[in-house]
Amino acid sequence: MKKNVLTVILAIIIIVLVVVGVYFLLGRGEKSIDINVASQTLSNSTPFNELSTVDITTDTLGSLYGINTENVENVLGKMPMMNVQASMYVLIQAKEGTAETVKTELDQYATRYEEQWSNYLPEQYELVKNRKSGIVGNTIYMIIAENAETLEQEITK
């Protein structure tokens, strides 16, 4: 009888450990970006701390970027005040289940932005072509800058 009780207790402990392990591996282990911290990091970094920029807002996402704002929880970013610089960054916190859709819409904007710069200033066009973008959790980002790769590593680490 004692052997059966010990076996049941051991089985329960193993099940609990497996459930807790799966919970932490699948749910809690997902990486995410705090867009407030990431935006602060980017805005304090070159070139954004040296450029005249304007904030990217939810209205900007809808009207200029062509992103369905119903899929957006929050957005932070900077874009150039004048069209002589292409450098910008945008961090979009998408609503649950919409990150891929928002990323596709952002990619479509990036293609239009690249076309816009293709016949204008070659140096700025290269920046746009070498942009960094991606998804981490529900956050979609795009960085256009000389040091875009370094800045991407900084916010996604």
C-alpha atoms as a PDB file:
ATOM      1  CA  MET A   1       0.000   0.000   0.000  1.00  0.00           C
ATOM      2  CA  LYS A   2       2.799   2.422   0.905  1.00  0.00           C
ATOM      3  CA  LYS A   3       4.473   1.659  -2.404  1.00  0.00           C
ATOM      4  CA  ASN A   4       1.329   2.656  -4.341  1.00  0.00           C
ATOM      5  CA  VAL A   5       0.981   5.919  -2.405  1.00  0.00           C
ATOM      6  CA  LEU A   6       4.640   6.775  -3.062  1.00  0.00           C
ATOM      7  CA  THR A   7       4.197   5.969  -6.748  1.00  0.00           C
ATOM      8  CA  VAL A   8       1.146   8.258  -6.979  1.00  0.00           C
ATOM      9  CA  ILE A   9       2.938  11.077  -5.124  1.00  0.00           C
ATOM     10  CA  LEU A  10       5.996  10.703  -7.359  1.00  0.00           C
ATOM     11  CA  ALA A  11       3.786  10.723 -10.485  1.00  0.00           C
ATOM     12  CA  ILE A  12       2.030  13.907  -9.302  1.00  0.00           C
ATOM     13  CA  ILE A  13       5.371  15.620  -8.615  1.00  0.00           C
ATOM     14  CA  ILE A  14       6.658  14.671 -12.068  1.00  0.00           C
ATOM     15  CA  ILE A  15       3.467  15.951 -13.744  1.00  0.00           C
ATOM     16  CA  VAL A  16       3.660  19.238 -11.842  1.00  0.00           C
ATOM     17  CA  LEU A  17       7.311  19.692 -12.791  1.00  0.00           C
ATOM     18  CA  VAL A  18       6.565  18.994 -16.459  1.00  0.00           C
ATOM     19  CA  VAL A  19       3.625  21.443 -16.499  1.00  0.00           C
ATOM     20  CA  VAL A  20       5.666  24.174 -14.795  1.00  0.00           C
ATOM     21  CA  GLY A  21       8.577  23.530 -17.165  1.00  0.00           C
ATOM     22  CA  VAL A  22       6.362  23.767 -20.249  1.00  0.00           C
ATOM     23  CA  TYR A  23       4.767  26.939 -18.883  1.00  0.00           C
ATOM     24  CA  PHE A  24       8.130  28.642 -18.512  1.00  0.00           C
ATOM     25  CA  LEU A  25       9.509  27.359 -21.799  1.00  0.00           C
ATOM     26  CA  LEU A  26       6.518  28.268 -23.940  1.00  0.00           C
ATOM     27  CA  GLY A  27       4.774  31.143 -22.255  1.00  0.00           C
ATOM     28  CA  ARG A  28       7.248  33.005 -20.127  1.00  0.00           C
ATOM     29  CA  GLY A  29      10.330  32.337 -22.233  1.00  0.00           C
ATOM     30  CA  GLU A  30       9.076  34.389 -25.194  1.00  0.00           C
ATOM     31  CA  LYS A  31      11.270  37.364 -25.827  1.00  0.00           C
ATOM     32  CA  SER A  32       9.738  40.807 -25.942  1.00  0.00           C
ATOM     33  CA  ILE A  33      10.820  44.380 -26.435  1.00  0.00           C
ATOM     34  CA  ASP A  34       9.796  47.141 -24.055  1.00  0.00           C
ATOM     35  CA  ILE A  35       9.159  49.820 -26.676  1.00  0.00           C
ATOM     36  CA  ASN A  36       9.581  52.650 -24.163  1.00  0.00           C
ATOM     37  CA  VAL A  37      13.074  51.474 -23.224  1.00  0.00           C
ATOM     38  CA  ALA A  38      13.963  50.665 -26.848  1.00  0.00           C
ATOM     39  CA  SER A  39      12.760  54.074 -28.049  1.00  0.00           C
ATOM     40  CA  GLN A  40      14.799  55.819 -25.368  1.00  0.00           C
ATOM     41  CA  THR A  41      17.872  53.807 -26.374  1.00  0.00           C
ATOM     42  CA  LEU A  42      17.409  54.624 -30.051  1.00  0.00           C
ATOM     43  CA  SER A  43      16.583  58.310 -29.581  1.00  0.00           C
ATOM     44  CA  ASN A  44      19.710  58.773 -27.456  1.00  0.00           C
ATOM     45  CA  SER A  45      21.883  57.087 -30.097  1.00  0.00           C
ATOM     46  CA  THR A  46      23.501  58.446 -33.241  1.00  0.00           C
ATOM     47  CA  PRO A  47      22.057  59.565 -35.630  1.00  0.00           C
ATOM     48  CA  PHE A  48      18.737  60.176 -33.861  1.00  0.00           C
ATOM     49  CA  ASN A  49      20.244  62.317 -31.103  1.00  0.00           C
ATOM     50  CA  GLU A  50      21.685  64.610 -33.802  1.00  0.00           C
ATOM     51  CA  LEU A  51      18.810  64.885 -36.306  1.00  0.00           C
ATOM     52  CA  SER A  52      15.763  67.097 -36.390  1.00  0.00           C
ATOM     53  CA  THR A  53      12.954  64.585 -36.117  1.00  0.00           C
ATOM     54  CA  VAL A  54       9.245  64.355 -35.472  1.00  0.00           C
ATOM     55  CA  ASP A  55       7.445  61.671 -33.520  1.00  0.00           C
ATOM     56  CA  ILE A  56       5.735  58.831 -35.322  1.00  0.00           C
ATOM     57  CA  THR A  57       2.219  58.540 -33.931  1.00  0.00           C
ATOM     58  CA  THR A  58      -0.723  56.224 -34.471  1.00  0.00           C
ATOM     59  CA  ASP A  59      -2.134  58.819 -36.888  1.00  0.00           C
ATOM     60  CA  THR A  60       1.140  58.753 -38.839  1.00  0.00           C
ATOM     61  CA  LEU A  61       0.957  54.963 -39.050  1.00  0.00           C
ATOM     62  CA  GLY A  62      -2.481  55.145 -40.603  1.00  0.00           C
ATOM     63  CA  SER A  63      -2.093  58.117 -42.927  1.00  0.00           C
ATOM     64  CA  LEU A  64       1.548  57.892 -44.056  1.00  0.00           C
ATOM     65  CA  TYR A  65       2.561  54.291 -43.439  1.00  0.00           C
ATOM     66  CA  GLY A  66      -0.727  52.687 -44.484  1.00  0.00           C
ATOM     67  CA  ILE A  67      -0.901  50.494 -41.398  1.00  0.00           C
ATOM     68  CA  ASN A  68      -4.283  49.442 -40.042  1.00  0.00           C
ATOM     69  CA  THR A  69      -4.213  51.172 -36.664  1.00  0.00           C
ATOM     70  CA  GLU A  70      -6.894  48.838 -35.284  1.00  0.00           C
ATOM     71  CA  ASN A  71      -4.083  46.259 -35.028  1.00  0.00           C
ATOM     72  CA  VAL A  72      -1.828  48.592 -33.011  1.00  0.00           C
ATOM     73  CA  GLU A  73      -1.613  48.885 -29.227  1.00  0.00           C
ATOM     74  CA  ASN A  74       1.168  51.477 -29.158  1.00  0.00           C
ATOM     75  CA  VAL A  75       3.780  53.065 -31.398  1.00  0.00           C
ATOM     76  CA  LEU A  76       6.942  55.041 -30.752  1.00  0.00           C
ATOM     77  CA  GLY A  77       9.391  56.309 -33.303  1.00  0.00           C
ATOM     78  CA  LYS A  78      11.182  59.182 -34.951  1.00  0.00           C
ATOM     79  CA  MET A  79      11.242  60.236 -38.577  1.00  0.00           C
ATOM     80  CA  PRO A  80      13.145  63.057 -40.242  1.00  0.00           C
ATOM     81  CA  MET A  81      11.620  66.508 -40.095  1.00  0.00           C
ATOM     82  CA  MET A  82      12.884  67.278 -43.604  1.00  0.00           C
ATOM     83  CA  ASN A  83      13.343  65.024 -46.616  1.00  0.00           C
ATOM     84  CA  VAL A  84      17.123  65.361 -46.793  1.00  0.00           C
ATOM     85  CA  GLN A  85      17.673  62.556 -44.273  1.00  0.00           C
ATOM     86  CA  ALA A  86      16.206  59.060 -44.506  1.00  0.00           C
ATOM     87  CA  SER A  87      17.134  57.856 -41.006  1.00  0.00           C
ATOM     88  CA  MET A  88      14.184  56.812 -38.877  1.00  0.00           C
ATOM     89  CA  TYR A  89      13.019  54.191 -36.457  1.00  0.00           C
ATOM     90  CA  VAL A  90       9.607  52.858 -35.585  1.00  0.00           C
ATOM     91  CA  LEU A  91       8.559  50.447 -32.821  1.00  0.00           C
ATOM     92  CA  ILE A  92       5.032  49.102 -33.054  1.00  0.00           C
ATOM     93  CA  GLN A  93       3.393  47.068 -30.333  1.00  0.00           C
ATOM     94  CA  ALA A  94       0.760  45.033 -32.197  1.00  0.00           C
ATOM     95  CA  LYS A  95      -2.405  43.639 -30.716  1.00  0.00           C
ATOM     96  CA  GLU A  96      -2.360  39.919 -29.999  1.00  0.00           C
ATOM     97  CA  GLY A  97      -2.364  37.855 -33.187  1.00  0.00           C
ATOM     98  CA  THR A  98      -1.749  40.778 -35.566  1.00  0.00           C
ATOM     99  CA  ALA A  99       2.046  41.135 -35.553  1.00  0.00           C
ATOM    100  CA  GLU A 100       2.555  39.404 -38.929  1.00  0.00           C
ATOM    101  CA  THR A 101      -0.099  41.601 -40.561  1.00  0.00           C
ATOM    102  CA  VAL A 102       1.443  44.776 -39.149  1.00  0.00           C
ATOM    103  CA  LYS A 103       4.926  43.609 -40.250  1.00  0.00           C
ATOM    104  CA  THR A 104       3.653  43.038 -43.804  1.00  0.00           C
ATOM    105  CA  GLU A 105       2.130  46.523 -43.887  1.00  0.00           C
ATOM    106  CA  LEU A 106       5.345  48.051 -42.523  1.00  0.00           C
ATOM    107  CA  ASP A 107       7.362  46.172 -45.168  1.00  0.00           C
ATOM    108  CA  GLN A 108       5.076  47.593 -47.872  1.00  0.00           C
ATOM    109  CA  TYR A 109       5.725  51.092 -46.551  1.00  0.00           C
ATOM    110  CA  ALA A 110       9.480  50.391 -46.480  1.00  0.00           C
ATOM    111  CA  THR A 111       9.359  49.391 -50.153  1.00  0.00           C
ATOM    112  CA  ARG A 112       7.597  52.656 -51.038  1.00  0.00           C
ATOM    113  CA  TYR A 113      10.106  54.583 -48.907  1.00  0.00           C
ATOM    114  CA  GLU A 114      12.968  52.874 -50.718  1.00  0.00           C
ATOM    115  CA  GLU A 115      11.447  53.785 -54.090  1.00  0.00           C
ATOM    116  CA  GLN A 116      11.087  57.386 -52.911  1.00  0.00           C
ATOM    117  CA  TRP A 117      14.825  57.581 -52.157  1.00  0.00           C
ATOM    118  CA  SER A 118      16.014  55.597 -55.205  1.00  0.00           C
ATOM    119  CA  ASN A 119      16.388  58.689 -57.418  1.00  0.00           C
ATOM    120  CA  TYR A 120      17.180  61.285 -54.824  1.00  0.00           C
ATOM    121  CA  LEU A 121      20.253  61.070 -52.576  1.00  0.00           C
ATOM    122  CA  PRO A 122      22.361  57.927 -53.183  1.00  0.00           C
ATOM    123  CA  GLU A 123      23.851  57.872 -49.675  1.00  0.00           C
ATOM    124  CA  GLN A 124      20.416  58.045 -48.060  1.00  0.00           C
ATOM    125  CA  TYR A 125      19.073  55.465 -50.509  1.00  0.00           C
ATOM    126  CA  GLU A 126      21.760  53.032 -49.313  1.00  0.00           C
ATOM    127  CA  LEU A 127      20.634  53.552 -45.725  1.00  0.00           C
ATOM    128  CA  VAL A 128      17.062  52.713 -46.670  1.00  0.00           C
ATOM    129  CA  LYS A 129      18.117  49.619 -48.623  1.00  0.00           C
ATOM    130  CA  ASN A 130      20.163  48.400 -45.626  1.00  0.00           C
ATOM    131  CA  ARG A 131      17.386  48.943 -43.084  1.00  0.00           C
ATOM    132  CA  LYS A 132      16.824  46.441 -40.294  1.00  0.00           C
ATOM    133  CA  SER A 133      13.383  45.217 -39.376  1.00  0.00           C
ATOM    134  CA  GLY A 134      11.828  42.317 -37.568  1.00  0.00           C
ATOM    135  CA  ILE A 135       9.378  40.976 -35.035  1.00  0.00           C
ATOM    136  CA  VAL A 136      10.084  40.163 -31.404  1.00  0.00           C
ATOM    137  CA  GLY A 137       6.974  38.892 -29.634  1.00  0.00           C
ATOM    138  CA  ASN A 138       4.233  41.390 -30.519  1.00  0.00           C
ATOM    139  CA  THR A 139       6.692  44.182 -31.338  1.00  0.00           C
ATOM    140  CA  ILE A 140       7.552  45.078 -34.911  1.00  0.00           C
ATOM    141  CA  TYR A 141      10.510  47.362 -35.516  1.00  0.00           C
ATOM    142  CA  MET A 142      12.283  49.081 -38.392  1.00  0.00           C
ATOM    143  CA  ILE A 143      15.535  50.999 -38.123  1.00  0.00           C
ATOM    144  CA  ILE A 144      17.066  53.060 -40.918  1.00  0.00           C
ATOM    145  CA  ALA A 145      20.478  54.426 -39.998  1.00  0.00           C
ATOM    146  CA  GLU A 146      24.184  53.958 -40.764  1.00  0.00           C
ATOM    147  CA  ASN A 147      24.496  51.876 -37.613  1.00  0.00           C
ATOM    148  CA  ALA A 148      21.161  50.062 -38.004  1.00  0.00           C
ATOM    149  CA  GLU A 149      22.660  46.636 -37.332  1.00  0.00           C
ATOM    150  CA  THR A 150      24.256  47.764 -34.071  1.00  0.00           C
ATOM    151  CA  LEU A 151      21.056  49.505 -32.973  1.00  0.00           C
ATOM    152  CA  GLU A 152      19.001  46.417 -33.826  1.00  0.00           C
ATOM    153  CA  GLN A 153      21.292  44.279 -31.663  1.00  0.00           C
ATOM    154  CA  GLU A 154      20.972  46.789 -28.850  1.00  0.00           C
ATOM    155  CA  ILE A 155      17.163  46.694 -28.712  1.00  0.00           C
ATOM    156  CA  THR A 156      16.723  42.948 -29.345  1.00  0.00           C
ATOM    157  CA  LYS A 157      19.272  41.580 -26.883  1.00  0.00           C
END
